[in-house]
Protein backbone atom coordinates (compact mmCIF):
# COMPACT_ATOMS: atom_id res chain seq x y z
CA UNK A 1 165.17 83.13 80.85
CA UNK A 2 161.89 83.96 79.08
CA UNK A 3 159.76 81.06 77.86
CA UNK A 4 158.41 80.78 74.35
CA UNK A 5 154.96 81.73 75.61
CA UNK A 6 156.36 84.91 77.18
CA UNK A 7 158.17 85.79 74.00
CA UNK A 8 155.03 85.14 72.00
CA UNK A 9 153.01 87.32 74.37
CA UNK A 10 155.60 90.10 74.17
CA UNK A 11 155.62 89.86 70.38
CA UNK A 12 151.83 90.14 70.30
CA UNK A 13 152.02 93.26 72.49
CA UNK A 14 154.60 94.84 70.17
CA UNK A 15 152.42 94.08 67.17
CA UNK A 16 149.46 95.76 68.91
CA UNK A 17 151.63 98.81 69.63
CA UNK A 18 152.82 99.00 66.03
CA UNK A 19 149.26 98.58 64.77
CA UNK A 20 148.21 101.47 67.01
CA UNK A 21 150.89 103.81 65.68
CA UNK A 22 150.22 102.70 62.13
CA UNK A 23 146.47 103.16 62.62
CA UNK A 24 147.00 106.71 63.92
CA UNK A 25 149.21 107.55 60.93
CA UNK A 26 146.66 106.04 58.55
CA UNK A 27 143.85 108.11 60.08
CA UNK A 28 145.95 111.26 59.66
CA UNK A 29 146.52 110.43 56.00
CA UNK A 30 142.76 110.78 55.47
CA UNK A 31 142.88 114.51 54.83
CA UNK A 32 139.10 114.73 54.55
CA UNK A 33 138.70 113.98 58.28
CA UNK A 34 138.00 116.98 60.44
CA UNK A 35 140.38 117.39 63.38
CA UNK A 36 137.61 116.68 65.92
CA UNK A 37 136.72 113.39 64.21
CA UNK A 38 140.38 112.44 63.90
CA UNK A 39 141.11 112.93 67.61
CA UNK A 40 137.94 111.07 68.60
CA UNK A 41 138.87 108.05 66.48
CA UNK A 42 142.43 108.05 67.82
CA UNK A 43 141.10 108.10 71.41
CA UNK A 44 138.92 105.09 70.57
CA UNK A 45 141.88 103.26 69.02
CA UNK A 46 144.42 103.65 71.86
CA UNK A 47 143.00 101.12 74.41
CA UNK A 48 143.34 98.29 71.87
CA UNK A 49 147.14 98.60 72.03
CA UNK A 50 147.32 98.03 75.81
CA UNK A 51 147.82 94.74 77.62
CA UNK A 52 144.26 94.68 78.92
CA UNK A 53 142.17 96.48 76.27
CA UNK A 54 138.84 95.54 77.89
CA UNK A 55 139.88 97.31 81.13
CA UNK A 56 141.63 100.23 79.45
CA UNK A 57 140.20 103.61 78.54
CA UNK A 58 141.78 106.71 77.02
CA UNK A 59 141.19 110.38 76.45
CA UNK A 60 142.84 113.18 74.51
CA UNK A 61 142.71 116.82 75.55
CA UNK A 62 143.32 119.54 72.94
CA UNK A 63 142.65 123.26 73.37
CA UNK A 64 140.24 122.63 76.23
CA UNK A 65 138.20 119.96 74.43
CA UNK A 66 138.11 116.29 75.48
CA UNK A 67 137.93 113.26 73.18
CA UNK A 68 137.24 110.03 75.08
CA UNK A 69 137.13 106.36 74.23
CA UNK A 70 133.65 104.88 74.41
CA UNK A 71 134.28 103.05 77.67
CA UNK A 72 136.04 105.93 79.42
CA UNK A 73 135.53 105.34 83.17
CA UNK A 74 138.88 105.69 84.98
CA UNK A 75 139.18 104.26 88.45
CA UNK A 76 142.49 102.52 88.51
CA UNK A 77 146.01 103.37 87.55
CA UNK A 78 146.53 106.01 84.87
CA UNK A 79 149.38 107.54 82.91
CA UNK A 80 149.50 110.92 81.19
CA UNK A 81 151.79 112.41 78.55
CA UNK A 82 151.75 116.04 77.44
CA UNK A 83 151.10 116.83 73.81
CA UNK A 84 153.47 119.57 72.68
CA UNK A 85 153.63 121.74 69.62
CA UNK A 86 157.02 123.42 69.21
CA UNK A 87 157.72 122.92 72.95
CA UNK A 88 154.38 124.50 73.82
CA UNK A 89 151.90 122.28 75.69
CA UNK A 90 148.61 122.18 73.83
CA UNK A 91 146.99 119.18 75.54
CA UNK A 92 147.60 115.70 76.85
CA UNK A 93 146.84 112.06 76.22
CA UNK A 94 145.82 109.84 79.14
CA UNK A 95 145.43 106.09 79.45
CA UNK A 96 143.74 104.59 82.53
CA UNK A 97 142.48 101.27 83.82
CA UNK A 98 138.98 100.81 85.13
CA UNK A 99 140.46 99.01 88.13
CA UNK A 100 143.90 98.05 89.43
CA UNK A 101 145.61 95.15 87.74
CA UNK A 102 147.93 92.57 89.24
CA UNK A 103 150.91 93.59 87.08
CA UNK A 104 153.09 95.63 89.44
CA UNK A 105 152.36 98.81 91.31
CA UNK A 106 151.42 100.90 88.30
CA UNK A 107 149.66 98.22 86.32
CA UNK A 108 151.40 99.32 83.10
CA UNK A 109 154.25 97.76 81.18
CA UNK A 110 157.41 99.75 80.49
CA UNK A 111 156.72 99.31 76.78
CA UNK A 112 153.25 100.86 77.27
CA UNK A 113 154.82 103.92 78.89
CA UNK A 114 157.11 104.26 75.86
CA UNK A 115 154.14 103.73 73.56
CA UNK A 116 152.19 106.55 75.26
CA UNK A 117 155.16 108.89 74.78
CA UNK A 118 155.32 107.88 71.11
CA UNK A 119 151.58 108.51 70.72
CA UNK A 120 151.88 111.95 72.39
CA UNK A 121 154.78 112.85 70.11
CA UNK A 122 152.88 111.63 67.06
CA UNK A 123 149.80 113.61 68.10
CA UNK A 124 152.01 116.71 68.47
CA UNK A 125 153.26 116.25 64.90
CA UNK A 126 149.73 115.64 63.63
CA UNK A 127 148.33 118.73 65.35
CA UNK A 128 151.22 120.85 64.06
CA UNK A 129 150.49 119.76 60.51
CA UNK A 130 146.75 120.24 60.98
CA UNK A 131 147.31 123.77 62.28
CA UNK A 132 149.57 124.45 59.30
CA UNK A 133 146.83 123.14 56.98
CA UNK A 134 144.20 125.34 58.65
CA UNK A 135 146.53 128.34 58.45
CA UNK A 136 147.20 127.60 54.78
CA UNK A 137 143.47 127.23 54.09
CA UNK A 138 142.79 130.56 55.79
CA UNK A 139 145.62 132.21 53.90
CA UNK A 140 144.36 130.71 50.64
CA UNK A 141 140.80 131.81 51.44
CA UNK A 142 142.04 135.31 52.28
CA UNK A 143 144.06 135.46 49.08
CA UNK A 144 141.07 134.23 47.10
CA UNK A 145 138.81 136.80 48.77
CA UNK A 146 141.35 139.55 48.13
CA UNK A 147 141.72 138.39 44.53
CA UNK A 148 137.94 138.50 44.04
CA UNK A 149 137.74 141.93 45.68
CA UNK A 150 140.61 143.20 43.53
CA UNK A 151 139.00 141.81 40.39
CA UNK A 152 135.69 143.44 41.33
CA UNK A 153 137.51 146.73 41.88
CA UNK A 154 139.28 146.31 38.54
CA UNK A 155 135.96 145.65 36.83
CA UNK A 156 134.45 148.73 38.48
CA UNK A 157 137.52 150.78 37.53
CA UNK A 158 137.36 149.57 33.94
CA UNK A 159 133.68 150.52 33.82
CA UNK A 160 134.49 153.97 35.21
CA UNK A 161 137.34 154.42 32.72
CA UNK A 162 135.07 153.22 29.90
CA UNK A 163 132.37 155.65 31.01
CA UNK A 164 134.91 158.49 31.18
CA UNK A 165 136.17 157.62 27.70
CA UNK A 166 132.61 157.58 26.38
CA UNK A 167 131.88 160.94 28.00
CA UNK A 168 135.18 162.31 26.72
CA UNK A 169 134.36 161.17 23.18
CA UNK A 170 130.85 162.60 23.48
CA UNK A 171 132.31 165.97 24.52
CA UNK A 172 134.86 165.83 21.68
CA UNK A 173 132.10 165.01 19.19
CA UNK A 174 129.96 167.82 20.60
CA UNK A 175 132.81 170.33 20.35
CA UNK A 176 133.56 169.22 16.79
CA UNK A 177 129.90 169.48 15.84
CA UNK A 178 129.57 172.94 17.41
CA UNK A 179 132.68 174.18 15.61
CA UNK A 180 131.55 172.74 12.28
CA UNK A 181 127.99 174.09 12.50
CA UNK A 182 128.13 177.29 14.54
CA UNK A 183 131.68 178.68 14.33
CA UNK A 184 133.23 177.78 10.99
CA UNK A 185 130.23 178.94 8.93
CA UNK A 186 130.46 182.36 10.59
CA UNK A 187 134.21 182.63 10.05
CA UNK A 188 133.81 181.57 6.43
CA UNK A 189 131.23 184.30 5.90
CA UNK A 190 133.46 186.91 7.50
CA UNK A 191 136.32 185.83 5.26
CA UNK A 192 134.47 186.17 1.95
CA UNK A 193 131.88 188.83 2.69
CA UNK A 194 132.12 192.47 1.70
CA UNK A 195 130.20 194.20 4.47
CA UNK A 196 130.47 197.22 6.73
CA UNK A 197 132.56 196.85 9.89
CA UNK A 198 129.50 196.77 12.15
CA UNK A 199 128.14 193.72 10.27
CA UNK A 200 131.50 191.95 10.54
CA UNK A 201 131.59 192.84 14.23
CA UNK A 202 128.17 191.23 14.72
CA UNK A 203 129.47 188.02 13.13
CA UNK A 204 132.57 188.08 15.31
CA UNK A 205 130.43 188.65 18.40
CA UNK A 206 128.25 185.62 17.59
CA UNK A 207 131.32 183.48 16.80
CA UNK A 208 132.92 184.51 20.11
CA UNK A 209 129.75 183.62 22.04
CA UNK A 210 129.55 180.26 20.32
CA UNK A 211 133.17 179.51 21.23
CA UNK A 212 132.47 180.35 24.86
CA UNK A 213 129.65 177.74 24.78
CA UNK A 214 131.60 175.24 22.69
CA UNK A 215 130.52 172.22 24.78
CA UNK A 216 126.82 173.13 24.58
CA UNK A 217 124.38 170.47 23.37
CA UNK A 218 122.71 173.12 21.18
CA UNK A 219 123.71 171.71 17.79
CA UNK A 220 123.22 168.10 18.88
CA UNK A 221 119.69 168.85 20.04
CA UNK A 222 118.79 170.56 16.75
CA UNK A 223 120.31 167.93 14.45
CA UNK A 224 118.82 164.82 16.03
CA UNK A 225 116.30 162.88 13.94
CA UNK A 226 113.24 164.12 15.85
CA UNK A 227 114.10 167.76 14.99
CA UNK A 228 116.65 167.74 12.17
CA UNK A 229 116.91 171.39 11.22
CA UNK A 230 118.29 172.24 7.81
CA UNK A 231 121.71 173.98 7.62
CA UNK A 232 119.99 177.33 7.00
CA UNK A 233 117.54 176.78 9.87
CA UNK A 234 120.43 175.82 12.14
CA UNK A 235 122.30 178.98 11.09
CA UNK A 236 119.29 181.16 11.83
CA UNK A 237 118.66 179.34 15.13
CA UNK A 238 122.24 180.09 16.15
CA UNK A 239 121.73 183.79 15.44
CA UNK A 240 118.37 183.85 17.26
CA UNK A 241 119.98 182.15 20.27
CA UNK A 242 122.59 184.90 20.35
CA UNK A 243 119.94 187.60 20.56
CA UNK A 244 119.74 188.86 16.98
CA UNK A 245 116.39 190.12 15.69
CA UNK A 246 114.79 189.01 12.42
CA UNK A 247 115.87 192.26 10.80
CA UNK A 248 119.48 191.86 11.94
CA UNK A 249 119.53 188.26 10.75
CA UNK A 250 118.18 189.27 7.33
CA UNK A 251 120.89 191.91 7.03
CA UNK A 252 123.66 189.56 8.10
CA UNK A 253 122.59 186.72 5.81
CA UNK A 254 121.53 189.12 3.02
CA UNK A 255 118.13 187.48 2.68
CA UNK A 256 114.65 188.95 2.75
CA UNK A 257 112.94 189.53 6.07
CA UNK A 258 109.94 187.30 5.13
CA UNK A 259 112.42 184.50 4.43
CA UNK A 260 113.80 184.80 7.95
CA UNK A 261 110.26 184.83 9.36
CA UNK A 262 109.39 181.69 7.36
CA UNK A 263 112.48 179.91 8.62
CA UNK A 264 111.66 181.02 12.15
CA UNK A 265 108.16 179.55 11.80
CA UNK A 266 109.56 176.24 10.52
CA UNK A 267 112.03 176.11 13.43
CA UNK A 268 109.23 176.60 15.96
CA UNK A 269 107.18 173.92 14.19
CA UNK A 270 110.03 171.39 14.27
CA UNK A 271 110.52 172.15 17.96
CA UNK A 272 106.78 171.62 18.57
CA UNK A 273 106.24 175.11 19.95
CA UNK A 274 104.55 176.72 16.92
CA UNK A 275 101.24 177.03 18.77
CA UNK A 276 102.71 177.84 22.16
CA UNK A 277 103.48 181.13 23.82
CA UNK A 278 107.16 180.38 24.28
CA UNK A 279 110.13 182.60 23.49
CA UNK A 280 112.20 180.87 20.82
CA UNK A 281 115.49 182.54 21.78
CA UNK A 282 115.06 181.50 25.43
CA UNK A 283 114.29 177.92 24.45
CA UNK A 284 117.30 177.72 22.13
CA UNK A 285 119.61 179.02 24.87
CA UNK A 286 118.28 176.32 27.25
CA UNK A 287 119.12 173.44 24.88
């Protein structure tokens, strides 16, 4: 029959064991702790739960790394339990005495053997959850990185689409401007004019050439603020560009030859080539 002192001693040992398990669980609840710090603190905590804490040391092995209690110096009896994660051994936890004790052959209580198994099982659960947290963090980081990359690609794509739309609108505006200023005026003249077939054919030839160059920046270049040709000057420039001489232009437009020459001079002046040896027709075709 156990005495009261034995029962008290046994109760104290059970309290130490419970405190150890509770302390390990409490450490794990501190999610801010890195795994290395967590295992080191658990290794330091384990000896306090044994019958002779001053003569007890402990270590935890995980993935090839060791975490030891401060006084780790085994020389006596020791006990080891494997740490398993889903039936796969990932390390072990060991408790050892510095020297042999007088309590039996092994020096350890049966309850301490059970406690070590409980600690190993608890460590297995902790490491499984930690690995799941790390995996989740990596997955989250990957998803975040992929989201950022996708958003960057979407931004770049939107910029490309916006640029294409701007270029498309610019081309549409250019085509509309060319039709309004270089094609429709010619067709209108053909429609109302009473002229010989060869004159009408000249107009049709110029209109056809303008349609073949419908996306040209010709009209845009000559209507910008720095140049700003008048409608008549633009009409004459269009005919010059298409290779017509002053005499042919005068005949087509039914204006005097000096008038064409005056307009031609004004066009050269507005293009800043009035005092330069530069062919006007060539320059107009290059616009």
